[in-house]
C-alpha atoms as a PDB file:
ATOM      1  CA  MET A   1       5.556  25.546   3.951  1.00  0.00           C
ATOM      2  CA  ILE A   2       4.335  22.473   5.946  1.00  0.00           C
ATOM      3  CA  ASN A   3       6.567  21.757   9.158  1.00  0.00           C
ATOM      4  CA  VAL A   4       6.350  17.913   9.784  1.00  0.00           C
ATOM      5  CA  GLY A   5       7.880  15.717  12.785  1.00  0.00           C
ATOM      6  CA  LEU A   6       8.937  12.158  12.492  1.00  0.00           C
ATOM      7  CA  ILE A   7       8.189   9.506  15.273  1.00  0.00           C
ATOM      8  CA  GLY A   8      10.286   6.786  14.651  1.00  0.00           C
ATOM      9  CA  PHE A   9      13.867   6.430  12.852  1.00  0.00           C
ATOM     10  CA  GLY A  10      14.391   2.878  12.564  1.00  0.00           C
ATOM     11  CA  TYR A  11      13.757   0.355   9.349  1.00  0.00           C
ATOM     12  CA  TRP A  12      11.688   2.691   7.358  1.00  0.00           C
ATOM     13  CA  GLY A  13      11.899   5.931   9.072  1.00  0.00           C
ATOM     14  CA  PRO A  14      15.113   7.214   7.460  1.00  0.00           C
ATOM     15  CA  ASN A  15      13.568   6.694   4.146  1.00  0.00           C
ATOM     16  CA  VAL A  16      10.449   8.775   5.165  1.00  0.00           C
ATOM     17  CA  ALA A  17      12.862  11.340   6.674  1.00  0.00           C
ATOM     18  CA  LYS A  18      15.070  11.573   3.302  1.00  0.00           C
ATOM     19  CA  ASN A  19      11.506  11.992   1.386  1.00  0.00           C
ATOM     20  CA  ILE A  20      10.260  14.642   3.653  1.00  0.00           C
ATOM     21  CA  HIS A  21      13.594  16.662   3.405  1.00  0.00           C
ATOM     22  CA  ILE A  22      14.192  16.407  -0.322  1.00  0.00           C
ATOM     23  CA  ASN A  23      10.380  18.051  -0.964  1.00  0.00           C
ATOM     24  CA  PRO A  24      11.097  21.993  -1.066  1.00  0.00           C
ATOM     25  CA  GLU A  25       7.587  22.493   0.190  1.00  0.00           C
ATOM     26  CA  ILE A  26       8.176  20.768   3.550  1.00  0.00           C
ATOM     27  CA  ASN A  27      10.354  21.236   6.379  1.00  0.00           C
ATOM     28  CA  LEU A  28      11.458  18.344   8.626  1.00  0.00           C
ATOM     29  CA  LYS A  29      11.937  20.298  11.984  1.00  0.00           C
ATOM     30  CA  TRP A  30      11.306  17.084  14.166  1.00  0.00           C
ATOM     31  CA  ILE A  31      12.899  13.493  14.588  1.00  0.00           C
ATOM     32  CA  CYS A  32      12.090  11.433  17.467  1.00  0.00           C
ATOM     33  CA  ASP A  33      13.501   8.080  18.355  1.00  0.00           C
ATOM     34  CA  LYS A  34      14.025   5.974  21.560  1.00  0.00           C
ATOM     35  CA  GLU A  35      17.252   4.695  20.543  1.00  0.00           C
ATOM     36  CA  LYS A  36      20.259   6.746  20.959  1.00  0.00           C
ATOM     37  CA  ASP A  37      22.259   5.405  17.831  1.00  0.00           C
ATOM     38  CA  ARG A  38      19.577   6.164  15.579  1.00  0.00           C
ATOM     39  CA  LEU A  39      19.276   9.650  16.763  1.00  0.00           C
ATOM     40  CA  ASN A  40      23.022   9.776  16.184  1.00  0.00           C
ATOM     41  CA  LYS A  41      22.740   8.253  12.691  1.00  0.00           C
ATOM     42  CA  ALA A  42      19.967  10.970  11.672  1.00  0.00           C
ATOM     43  CA  THR A  43      21.893  14.196  13.153  1.00  0.00           C
ATOM     44  CA  GLU A  44      24.971  12.893  10.966  1.00  0.00           C
ATOM     45  CA  ILE A  45      22.415  13.132   7.894  1.00  0.00           C
ATOM     46  CA  TYR A  46      20.865  16.332   8.676  1.00  0.00           C
ATOM     47  CA  ILE A  47      23.237  18.170  10.957  1.00  0.00           C
ATOM     48  CA  SER A  48      21.367  21.076  12.327  1.00  0.00           C
ATOM     49  CA  GLU A  49      18.630  21.405  10.112  1.00  0.00           C
ATOM     50  CA  THR A  50      16.671  19.349  12.385  1.00  0.00           C
ATOM     51  CA  LYS A  51      15.660  18.838  15.890  1.00  0.00           C
ATOM     52  CA  TYR A  52      15.917  15.603  17.750  1.00  0.00           C
ATOM     53  CA  THR A  53      14.661  14.278  20.872  1.00  0.00           C
ATOM     54  CA  HIS A  54      13.993  10.856  22.543  1.00  0.00           C
ATOM     55  CA  ASN A  55      10.199  12.268  23.720  1.00  0.00           C
ATOM     56  CA  TYR A  56       7.764  12.582  21.171  1.00  0.00           C
ATOM     57  CA  LYS A  57       5.801  14.867  23.118  1.00  0.00           C
ATOM     58  CA  ASP A  58       8.365  17.501  22.260  1.00  0.00           C
ATOM     59  CA  ILE A  59       6.531  17.221  18.598  1.00  0.00           C
ATOM     60  CA  LEU A  60       2.915  17.493  19.812  1.00  0.00           C
ATOM     61  CA  ASN A  61       3.453  20.385  22.048  1.00  0.00           C
ATOM     62  CA  ASP A  62       5.460  22.019  18.956  1.00  0.00           C
ATOM     63  CA  PRO A  63       2.598  24.395  17.480  1.00  0.00           C
ATOM     64  CA  GLU A  64       4.620  25.103  14.438  1.00  0.00           C
ATOM     65  CA  ILE A  65       4.174  21.298  13.660  1.00  0.00           C
ATOM     66  CA  SER A  66       1.225  20.657  11.393  1.00  0.00           C
ATOM     67  CA  VAL A  67       1.884  16.916  10.393  1.00  0.00           C
ATOM     68  CA  VAL A  68       3.226  14.070  12.516  1.00  0.00           C
ATOM     69  CA  ALA A  69       4.374  11.020  10.426  1.00  0.00           C
ATOM     70  CA  ILE A  70       4.395   7.796  12.304  1.00  0.00           C
ATOM     71  CA  ALA A  71       6.854   5.172  11.244  1.00  0.00           C
ATOM     72  CA  LEU A  72       6.766   2.427  13.898  1.00  0.00           C
ATOM     73  CA  GLY A  73       5.248  -0.973  14.630  1.00  0.00           C
ATOM     74  CA  THR A  74       1.656  -1.685  13.465  1.00  0.00           C
ATOM     75  CA  SER A  75       1.014  -2.169  17.003  1.00  0.00           C
ATOM     76  CA  SER A  76       1.486   1.348  18.319  1.00  0.00           C
ATOM     77  CA  HIS A  77      -0.145   3.145  15.450  1.00  0.00           C
ATOM     78  CA  PHE A  78      -3.410   3.292  16.632  1.00  0.00           C
ATOM     79  CA  GLU A  79      -2.255   4.974  20.049  1.00  0.00           C
ATOM     80  CA  PHE A  80       0.053   7.463  18.589  1.00  0.00           C
ATOM     81  CA  ALA A  81      -2.299   8.637  15.624  1.00  0.00           C
ATOM     82  CA  LYS A  82      -4.939   9.142  18.449  1.00  0.00           C
ATOM     83  CA  GLU A  83      -2.591  11.133  20.514  1.00  0.00           C
ATOM     84  CA  VAL A  84      -1.513  13.053  17.488  1.00  0.00           C
ATOM     85  CA  LEU A  85      -5.067  13.972  16.185  1.00  0.00           C
ATOM     86  CA  LEU A  86      -6.002  15.100  19.842  1.00  0.00           C
ATOM     87  CA  SER A  87      -3.053  17.470  19.400  1.00  0.00           C
ATOM     88  CA  GLY A  88      -4.554  19.051  16.611  1.00  0.00           C
ATOM     89  CA  LYS A  89      -2.325  17.957  13.614  1.00  0.00           C
ATOM     90  CA  HIS A  90      -2.600  15.637  10.666  1.00  0.00           C
ATOM     91  CA  VAL A  91      -1.443  12.562  10.557  1.00  0.00           C
ATOM     92  CA  TYR A  92       0.952  10.458   8.106  1.00  0.00           C
ATOM     93  CA  VAL A  93       1.418   6.557   8.892  1.00  0.00           C
ATOM     94  CA  GLU A  94       2.966   3.802   7.886  1.00  0.00           C
ATOM     95  CA  LYS A  95       0.882   0.402   6.495  1.00  0.00           C
ATOM     96  CA  PRO A  96      -0.749  -1.582   8.115  1.00  0.00           C
ATOM     97  CA  PHE A  97      -2.897   1.643   9.288  1.00  0.00           C
ATOM     98  CA  THR A  98      -4.167   0.295  12.537  1.00  0.00           C
ATOM     99  CA  SER A  99      -4.363  -3.520  13.863  1.00  0.00           C
ATOM    100  CA  SER A 100      -8.049  -4.076  13.497  1.00  0.00           C
ATOM    101  CA  VAL A 101     -10.780  -2.185  11.633  1.00  0.00           C
ATOM    102  CA  GLU A 102     -12.432  -0.827  15.196  1.00  0.00           C
ATOM    103  CA  GLU A 103      -9.079   0.867  15.440  1.00  0.00           C
ATOM    104  CA  ALA A 104      -9.279   2.198  11.827  1.00  0.00           C
ATOM    105  CA  GLU A 105     -12.726   3.482  12.264  1.00  0.00           C
ATOM    106  CA  GLU A 106     -12.561   5.101  15.464  1.00  0.00           C
ATOM    107  CA  LEU A 107      -9.359   7.291  14.271  1.00  0.00           C
ATOM    108  CA  LYS A 108     -11.205   7.933  10.945  1.00  0.00           C
ATOM    109  CA  LYS A 109     -14.369   9.313  13.083  1.00  0.00           C
ATOM    110  CA  LEU A 110     -12.120  11.510  15.304  1.00  0.00           C
ATOM    111  CA  ALA A 111     -10.153  12.898  12.204  1.00  0.00           C
ATOM    112  CA  ASN A 112     -13.373  13.895  10.496  1.00  0.00           C
ATOM    113  CA  GLU A 113     -15.028  15.398  13.949  1.00  0.00           C
ATOM    114  CA  LEU A 114     -11.484  17.585  14.136  1.00  0.00           C
ATOM    115  CA  LYS A 115     -11.296  18.174  10.647  1.00  0.00           C
ATOM    116  CA  LEU A 116      -8.087  16.706  10.211  1.00  0.00           C
ATOM    117  CA  LYS A 117      -6.178  14.621   7.391  1.00  0.00           C
ATOM    118  CA  ILE A 118      -4.911  11.093   8.045  1.00  0.00           C
ATOM    119  CA  HIS A 119      -2.576   9.612   5.195  1.00  0.00           C
ATOM    120  CA  VAL A 120      -1.871   6.021   5.445  1.00  0.00           C
ATOM    121  CA  ASN A 121       1.251   5.139   3.184  1.00  0.00           C
ATOM    122  CA  HIS A 122      -0.035   2.586   1.081  1.00  0.00           C
ATOM    123  CA  ILE A 123       3.162   3.348  -1.187  1.00  0.00           C
ATOM    124  CA  MET A 124       2.377   0.885  -4.264  1.00  0.00           C
ATOM    125  CA  VAL A 125      -0.501   3.318  -5.100  1.00  0.00           C
ATOM    126  CA  TYR A 126       2.139   6.026  -5.868  1.00  0.00           C
ATOM    127  CA  HIS A 127       4.294   3.786  -7.899  1.00  0.00           C
ATOM    128  CA  PRO A 128       4.622   5.140 -11.624  1.00  0.00           C
ATOM    129  CA  ILE A 129       4.280   1.763 -13.186  1.00  0.00           C
ATOM    130  CA  ILE A 130       0.796   1.251 -11.175  1.00  0.00           C
ATOM    131  CA  LYS A 131      -0.375   4.942 -11.955  1.00  0.00           C
ATOM    132  CA  LYS A 132       0.293   3.812 -15.763  1.00  0.00           C
ATOM    133  CA  ILE A 133      -1.531   0.399 -15.526  1.00  0.00           C
ATOM    134  CA  LYS A 134      -4.607   2.261 -13.839  1.00  0.00           C
ATOM    135  CA  SER A 135      -4.301   4.459 -17.047  1.00  0.00           C
ATOM    136  CA  LEU A 136      -4.772   1.328 -19.165  1.00  0.00           C
ATOM    137  CA  ILE A 137      -7.559   0.234 -17.153  1.00  0.00           C
ATOM    138  CA  ASP A 138      -9.749   3.299 -17.101  1.00  0.00           C
ATOM    139  CA  SER A 139      -9.165   4.142 -20.953  1.00  0.00           C
ATOM    140  CA  ASN A 140     -10.405   0.577 -21.680  1.00  0.00           C
ATOM    141  CA  GLU A 141      -7.191  -0.832 -23.186  1.00  0.00           C
ATOM    142  CA  ILE A 142      -7.240  -3.986 -21.631  1.00  0.00           C
ATOM    143  CA  GLY A 143     -10.789  -4.703 -21.470  1.00  0.00           C
ATOM    144  CA  ASP A 144     -12.728  -5.595 -18.245  1.00  0.00           C
ATOM    145  CA  ILE A 145     -10.547  -7.302 -15.740  1.00  0.00           C
ATOM    146  CA  LEU A 146     -11.188 -10.872 -15.491  1.00  0.00           C
ATOM    147  CA  TYR A 147      -8.537 -11.934 -12.786  1.00  0.00           C
ATOM    148  CA  ILE A 148      -5.854 -10.620 -11.039  1.00  0.00           C
ATOM    149  CA  ASP A 149      -2.802 -12.481  -9.642  1.00  0.00           C
ATOM    150  CA  ALA A 150      -0.068 -11.352  -7.182  1.00  0.00           C
ATOM    151  CA  MET A 151       2.869 -12.901  -5.615  1.00  0.00           C
ATOM    152  CA  ARG A 152       5.160 -10.749  -3.194  1.00  0.00           C
ATOM    153  CA  MET A 153       7.648 -13.356  -1.813  1.00  0.00           C
ATOM    154  CA  ASN A 154      11.446 -13.488  -0.408  1.00  0.00           C
ATOM    155  CA  LEU A 155      13.558 -14.901   2.282  1.00  0.00           C
ATOM    156  CA  GLY A 156      12.713 -12.635   5.388  1.00  0.00           C
ATOM    157  CA  GLN A 157      12.379  -9.874   6.974  1.00  0.00           C
ATOM    158  CA  ILE A 158      10.175 -12.255   9.569  1.00  0.00           C
ATOM    159  CA  ARG A 159       8.074  -9.548  11.462  1.00  0.00           C
ATOM    160  CA  ASN A 160       6.681 -10.584  14.930  1.00  0.00           C
ATOM    161  CA  ASP A 161       4.207  -7.817  15.206  1.00  0.00           C
ATOM    162  CA  VAL A 162       2.107  -8.542  11.823  1.00  0.00           C
ATOM    163  CA  SER A 163       1.823 -11.935   9.760  1.00  0.00           C
ATOM    164  CA  ALA A 164       3.467 -11.792   6.079  1.00  0.00           C
ATOM    165  CA  MET A 165      -0.158 -11.567   4.620  1.00  0.00           C
ATOM    166  CA  TRP A 166      -0.947  -8.141   6.629  1.00  0.00           C
ATOM    167  CA  ASP A 167       3.047  -7.024   5.745  1.00  0.00           C
ATOM    168  CA  LEU A 168       2.994  -8.150   2.080  1.00  0.00           C
ATOM    169  CA  ALA A 169      -0.538  -8.711   0.859  1.00  0.00           C
ATOM    170  CA  VAL A 170      -1.477  -5.249   1.902  1.00  0.00           C
ATOM    171  CA  HIS A 171       0.420  -3.965  -0.989  1.00  0.00           C
ATOM    172  CA  ASP A 172      -1.411  -6.004  -3.475  1.00  0.00           C
ATOM    173  CA  LEU A 173      -4.604  -5.255  -1.786  1.00  0.00           C
ATOM    174  CA  THR A 174      -4.387  -1.307  -1.816  1.00  0.00           C
ATOM    175  CA  ILE A 175      -3.196  -2.013  -5.618  1.00  0.00           C
ATOM    176  CA  ILE A 176      -6.346  -3.691  -6.619  1.00  0.00           C
ATOM    177  CA  ASP A 177      -8.316  -1.561  -4.492  1.00  0.00           C
ATOM    178  CA  PHE A 178      -6.877   1.271  -6.425  1.00  0.00           C
ATOM    179  CA  LEU A 179      -7.280  -0.163  -9.580  1.00  0.00           C
ATOM    180  CA  ALA A 180     -10.937  -1.511  -9.102  1.00  0.00           C
ATOM    181  CA  ASN A 181     -12.369   2.032  -7.944  1.00  0.00           C
ATOM    182  CA  GLY A 182     -12.801   0.528  -4.254  1.00  0.00           C
ATOM    183  CA  GLN A 183     -14.787  -2.125  -5.649  1.00  0.00           C
ATOM    184  CA  GLU A 184     -15.770  -4.308  -2.226  1.00  0.00           C
ATOM    185  CA  ALA A 185     -15.059  -7.960  -1.736  1.00  0.00           C
ATOM    186  CA  ARG A 186     -17.654 -10.417  -1.677  1.00  0.00           C
ATOM    187  CA  GLN A 187     -16.252 -13.633  -0.934  1.00  0.00           C
ATOM    188  CA  ILE A 188     -12.818 -14.282   0.985  1.00  0.00           C
ATOM    189  CA  SER A 189     -11.098 -17.611   1.668  1.00  0.00           C
ATOM    190  CA  ALA A 190      -7.414 -17.887   2.622  1.00  0.00           C
ATOM    191  CA  MET A 191      -4.777 -20.077   4.199  1.00  0.00           C
ATOM    192  CA  GLY A 192      -1.650 -19.981   5.918  1.00  0.00           C
ATOM    193  CA  GLU A 193       0.959 -21.291   8.370  1.00  0.00           C
ATOM    194  CA  ASN A 194       3.165 -19.927  11.135  1.00  0.00           C
ATOM    195  CA  PHE A 195       6.459 -21.345  10.197  1.00  0.00           C
ATOM    196  CA  PHE A 196       9.212 -20.010  12.418  1.00  0.00           C
ATOM    197  CA  ASN A 197       6.996 -17.475  14.015  1.00  0.00           C
ATOM    198  CA  PRO A 198       3.741 -16.665  16.215  1.00  0.00           C
ATOM    199  CA  LYS A 199       2.236 -15.085  13.123  1.00  0.00           C
ATOM    200  CA  GLU A 200       1.656 -16.578   9.625  1.00  0.00           C
ATOM    201  CA  THR A 201       4.643 -16.371   7.455  1.00  0.00           C
ATOM    202  CA  LEU A 202       3.243 -17.691   4.339  1.00  0.00           C
ATOM    203  CA  SER A 203      -0.225 -16.977   3.107  1.00  0.00           C
ATOM    204  CA  PHE A 204      -2.475 -17.520   0.124  1.00  0.00           C
ATOM    205  CA  LEU A 205      -5.623 -15.330  -0.043  1.00  0.00           C
ATOM    206  CA  ASN A 206      -8.240 -16.140  -2.781  1.00  0.00           C
ATOM    207  CA  ILE A 207     -10.983 -12.828  -3.132  1.00  0.00           C
ATOM    208  CA  LYS A 208     -13.930 -12.532  -5.358  1.00  0.00           C
ATOM    209  CA  TYR A 209     -15.034  -9.210  -6.324  1.00  0.00           C
ATOM    210  CA  GLN A 210     -18.195  -8.522  -7.775  1.00  0.00           C
ATOM    211  CA  THR A 211     -16.676  -8.264 -11.520  1.00  0.00           C
ATOM    212  CA  PHE A 212     -13.239 -10.397 -11.255  1.00  0.00           C
ATOM    213  CA  ILE A 213     -11.444 -12.920  -8.787  1.00  0.00           C
ATOM    214  CA  SER A 214      -7.899 -12.754  -7.371  1.00  0.00           C
ATOM    215  CA  HIS A 215      -5.279 -14.536  -5.862  1.00  0.00           C
ATOM    216  CA  ILE A 216      -2.548 -13.437  -3.618  1.00  0.00           C
ATOM    217  CA  GLN A 217       0.446 -15.010  -2.372  1.00  0.00           C
ATOM    218  CA  SER A 218       2.807 -13.862   0.347  1.00  0.00           C
ATOM    219  CA  SER A 219       5.820 -15.500   2.010  1.00  0.00           C
ATOM    220  CA  TRP A 220       8.779 -14.868   3.878  1.00  0.00           C
ATOM    221  CA  ILE A 221      10.268 -17.847   3.428  1.00  0.00           C
ATOM    222  CA  SER A 222      10.685 -17.915  -0.105  1.00  0.00           C
ATOM    223  CA  PRO A 223      14.147 -19.258  -2.183  1.00  0.00           C
ATOM    224  CA  LEU A 224      13.112 -16.456  -4.551  1.00  0.00           C
ATOM    225  CA  LYS A 225      12.023 -12.577  -4.406  1.00  0.00           C
ATOM    226  CA  GLU A 226       9.207 -12.195  -6.461  1.00  0.00           C
ATOM    227  CA  ARG A 227       7.416  -8.723  -6.643  1.00  0.00           C
ATOM    228  CA  LYS A 228       4.790  -9.854  -9.691  1.00  0.00           C
ATOM    229  CA  LEU A 229       1.387  -8.482 -10.552  1.00  0.00           C
ATOM    230  CA  ILE A 230      -0.807 -10.431 -13.592  1.00  0.00           C
ATOM    231  CA  ILE A 231      -3.791  -8.564 -14.776  1.00  0.00           C
ATOM    232  CA  VAL A 232      -6.104 -10.424 -17.177  1.00  0.00           C
ATOM    233  CA  GLY A 233      -8.309  -8.426 -19.165  1.00  0.00           C
ATOM    234  CA  SER A 234     -10.882  -9.183 -21.668  1.00  0.00           C
ATOM    235  CA  LYS A 235      -9.029  -7.521 -24.594  1.00  0.00           C
ATOM    236  CA  LYS A 236      -5.632  -7.988 -23.449  1.00  0.00           C
ATOM    237  CA  MET A 237      -3.235  -8.754 -20.435  1.00  0.00           C
ATOM    238  CA  ILE A 238      -0.542  -7.259 -18.360  1.00  0.00           C
ATOM    239  CA  VAL A 239       2.463  -8.664 -16.279  1.00  0.00           C
ATOM    240  CA  PHE A 240       4.281  -6.244 -13.899  1.00  0.00           C
ATOM    241  CA  ASP A 241       7.320  -7.633 -12.605  1.00  0.00           C
ATOM    242  CA  ASP A 242       9.124  -5.532 -10.279  1.00  0.00           C
ATOM    243  CA  MET A 243      12.091  -7.493  -9.767  1.00  0.00           C
ATOM    244  CA  LYS A 244      13.246  -6.682 -13.464  1.00  0.00           C
ATOM    245  CA  HIS A 245      15.928  -4.278 -14.012  1.00  0.00           C
ATOM    246  CA  SER A 246      14.260  -2.993 -17.112  1.00  0.00           C
ATOM    247  CA  GLU A 247      11.072  -3.907 -18.995  1.00  0.00           C
ATOM    248  CA  LYS A 248       8.817  -3.989 -16.052  1.00  0.00           C
ATOM    249  CA  LEU A 249       5.753  -3.611 -17.485  1.00  0.00           C
ATOM    250  CA  MET A 250       4.673  -5.742 -20.290  1.00  0.00           C
ATOM    251  CA  VAL A 251       1.270  -5.567 -22.188  1.00  0.00           C
ATOM    252  CA  TYR A 252       0.287  -8.761 -23.987  1.00  0.00           C
ATOM    253  CA  ASP A 253      -2.356  -8.493 -26.851  1.00  0.00           C
ATOM    254  CA  LYS A 254      -3.293 -12.069 -25.990  1.00  0.00           C
ATOM    255  CA  GLY A 255      -6.840 -13.481 -25.110  1.00  0.00           C
ATOM    256  CA  VAL A 256      -9.691 -15.468 -26.073  1.00  0.00           C
ATOM    257  CA  ASP A 257     -11.979 -14.705 -29.073  1.00  0.00           C
ATOM    258  CA  VAL A 258     -15.506 -16.220 -29.527  1.00  0.00           C
ATOM    259  CA  LEU A 259     -15.612 -17.720 -32.916  1.00  0.00           C
ATOM    260  CA  SER A 260     -19.038 -18.987 -33.072  1.00  0.00           C
ATOM    261  CA  GLY A 261     -22.408 -18.957 -31.031  1.00  0.00           C
ATOM    262  CA  ASN A 262     -23.710 -16.906 -28.120  1.00  0.00           C
ATOM    263  CA  ASN A 263     -24.166 -19.543 -25.125  1.00  0.00           C
ATOM    264  CA  VAL A 264     -21.578 -22.027 -24.107  1.00  0.00           C
ATOM    265  CA  GLU A 265     -24.241 -24.585 -23.761  1.00  0.00           C
ATOM    266  CA  TYR A 266     -24.861 -25.015 -27.407  1.00  0.00           C
ATOM    267  CA  ASP A 267     -23.070 -26.921 -29.866  1.00  0.00           C
ATOM    268  CA  ASP A 268     -22.200 -23.870 -32.103  1.00  0.00           C
ATOM    269  CA  TYR A 269     -20.676 -22.142 -29.577  1.00  0.00           C
ATOM    270  CA  ALA A 270     -16.655 -22.044 -30.581  1.00  0.00           C
ATOM    271  CA  VAL A 271     -13.691 -19.976 -29.004  1.00  0.00           C
ATOM    272  CA  LYS A 272     -10.000 -19.755 -30.139  1.00  0.00           C
ATOM    273  CA  THR A 273      -6.949 -18.060 -28.121  1.00  0.00           C
ATOM    274  CA  ARG A 274      -5.402 -15.188 -29.562  1.00  0.00           C
ATOM    275  CA  GLU A 275      -1.522 -14.043 -29.591  1.00  0.00           C
ATOM    276  CA  GLY A 276      -0.739 -10.978 -30.712  1.00  0.00           C
ATOM    277  CA  ASP A 277       2.289  -8.002 -30.013  1.00  0.00           C
ATOM    278  CA  ILE A 278       3.625  -7.382 -26.985  1.00  0.00           C
ATOM    279  CA  TRP A 279       4.262  -3.638 -25.775  1.00  0.00           C
ATOM    280  CA  ILE A 280       6.322  -2.159 -23.279  1.00  0.00           C
ATOM    281  CA  PRO A 281       5.062   1.267 -22.496  1.00  0.00           C
ATOM    282  CA  PHE A 282       7.642   3.919 -21.624  1.00  0.00           C
ATOM    283  CA  ILE A 283       7.400   5.052 -17.610  1.00  0.00           C
ATOM    284  CA  GLU A 284       8.656   8.084 -15.972  1.00  0.00           C
ATOM    285  CA  GLN A 285      11.308   7.668 -13.372  1.00  0.00           C
ATOM    286  CA  GLU A 286       9.368   8.500 -10.197  1.00  0.00           C
ATOM    287  CA  ASP A 287      10.023   7.703  -6.575  1.00  0.00           C
ATOM    288  CA  ALA A 288       6.623   6.162  -4.908  1.00  0.00           C
ATOM    289  CA  LEU A 289       7.631   7.483  -1.188  1.00  0.00           C
ATOM    290  CA  TYR A 290       8.060  10.632  -2.670  1.00  0.00           C
ATOM    291  CA  ASN A 291       4.784  10.681  -4.740  1.00  0.00           C
ATOM    292  CA  SER A 292       2.968   9.423  -1.479  1.00  0.00           C
ATOM    293  CA  ILE A 293       4.338  12.503   0.838  1.00  0.00           C
ATOM    294  CA  GLU A 294       3.719  15.120  -1.909  1.00  0.00           C
ATOM    295  CA  CYS A 295      -0.057  13.645  -2.298  1.00  0.00           C
ATOM    296  CA  MET A 296      -0.473  14.058   1.370  1.00  0.00           C
ATOM    297  CA  ARG A 297       1.086  17.510   1.073  1.00  0.00           C
ATOM    298  CA  LEU A 298      -1.521  18.576  -1.500  1.00  0.00           C
ATOM    299  CA  SER A 299      -4.420  17.144   0.319  1.00  0.00           C
ATOM    300  CA  ILE A 300      -3.907  19.273   3.411  1.00  0.00           C
ATOM    301  CA  LEU A 301      -3.321  22.660   1.420  1.00  0.00           C
ATOM    302  CA  ASN A 302      -6.080  21.794  -0.737  1.00  0.00           C
ATOM    303  CA  GLY A 303      -8.375  20.612   2.066  1.00  0.00           C
ATOM    304  CA  VAL A 304      -9.028  17.231   0.161  1.00  0.00           C
ATOM    305  CA  ASP A 305      -8.942  13.424   1.026  1.00  0.00           C
ATOM    306  CA  THR A 306      -5.879  11.736   0.155  1.00  0.00           C
ATOM    307  CA  VAL A 307      -5.907   8.866  -2.330  1.00  0.00           C
ATOM    308  CA  THR A 308      -5.016   6.543   0.308  1.00  0.00           C
ATOM    309  CA  GLY A 309      -6.852   7.988   3.427  1.00  0.00           C
ATOM    310  CA  PRO A 310      -8.878   5.834   6.175  1.00  0.00           C
ATOM    311  CA  ASP A 311     -11.627   4.488   3.565  1.00  0.00           C
ATOM    312  CA  GLN A 312      -9.397   2.815   1.587  1.00  0.00           C
ATOM    313  CA  ALA A 313      -7.095   1.343   4.762  1.00  0.00           C
ATOM    314  CA  ILE A 314     -10.643   0.019   6.371  1.00  0.00           C
ATOM    315  CA  ARG A 315     -11.810  -1.606   3.115  1.00  0.00           C
ATOM    316  CA  VAL A 316      -8.120  -3.138   2.880  1.00  0.00           C
ATOM    317  CA  GLN A 317      -8.249  -4.241   6.533  1.00  0.00           C
ATOM    318  CA  ARG A 318     -11.900  -5.654   6.490  1.00  0.00           C
ATOM    319  CA  ILE A 319     -10.220  -8.126   3.834  1.00  0.00           C
ATOM    320  CA  LEU A 320      -7.608  -8.910   6.065  1.00  0.00           C
ATOM    321  CA  GLU A 321      -9.586  -9.539   9.301  1.00  0.00           C
ATOM    322  CA  LYS A 322     -12.048 -11.801   7.320  1.00  0.00           C
ATOM    323  CA  ALA A 323      -8.748 -13.843   6.072  1.00  0.00           C
ATOM    324  CA  ASP A 324      -7.316 -13.974   9.413  1.00  0.00           C
ATOM    325  CA  ALA A 325     -10.833 -15.474  10.590  1.00  0.00           C
ATOM    326  CA  CYS A 326     -10.685 -18.068   7.457  1.00  0.00           C
ATOM    327  CA  MET A 327      -7.030 -19.005   8.892  1.00  0.00           C
ATOM    328  CA  ASN A 328      -8.017 -19.541  12.372  1.00  0.00           C
ATOM    329  CA  LEU A 329     -10.914 -21.822  11.585  1.00  0.00           C
END
């Protein structure tokens, strides 16, 4: 049994607490929050099974705690994660991992030195549909990835600690990183605007990887809520529309076939578009956050790196930092 303490019971903290609590192999021993009303809400849910505190050091000083989950604003992640590691405990932290690559690399180095694990909750990697898409790619069902188009838009929640790109595009970047086995970005361009906010509320991010390209659109000021991923392969195409109530994942047997010739520069070169069947794969219902927390538990239990550890977070944050530099030109 792993004992966990949670710091932060605000916007996302209750979801983390719930999924820790329902895991039979994890004990939610502590919940910490500075706000009295939030702690009162927690006590109504978990009653006497969990301890409550306004002082996070109560968790760090508890020798029975193995993992500390951090569900706070991004700007505080580095400070708290570092203190947790120095107290000899593993770290679960919400995305984005830190505010900079430099901070992320320091935490990674510290965790390695102390032989501790850091699990970054890049939750979409643990979504059952993303896991299915990964299996389709790995089995060569869709062929080589040609491009990935991602849209993540809604009206609000406008945050002032990170931009829409750092809040929303980070999901799509982690998905792409997972699907492409950590392939590094080669070229990055971006533009955005900070309407109604000191940080960008709208962004358009373009990335050229070694073998494919991607476009990621993020917005807090869209009249429609969109959560869509389009993956075009050399054999088939995939559309994941997370806003649909059913048939969220569709595989299209569509593409372009070369009819004759080997070189586009010669007259005998000819191609034809192909329209085939649409396949809707069966997906087992799973909770992505529960899967993420279980991955963290198994990582600690087996002494292996988690799927969404510091290495992945650093690759993603390098892209975000370079994109920020583009927007500030």
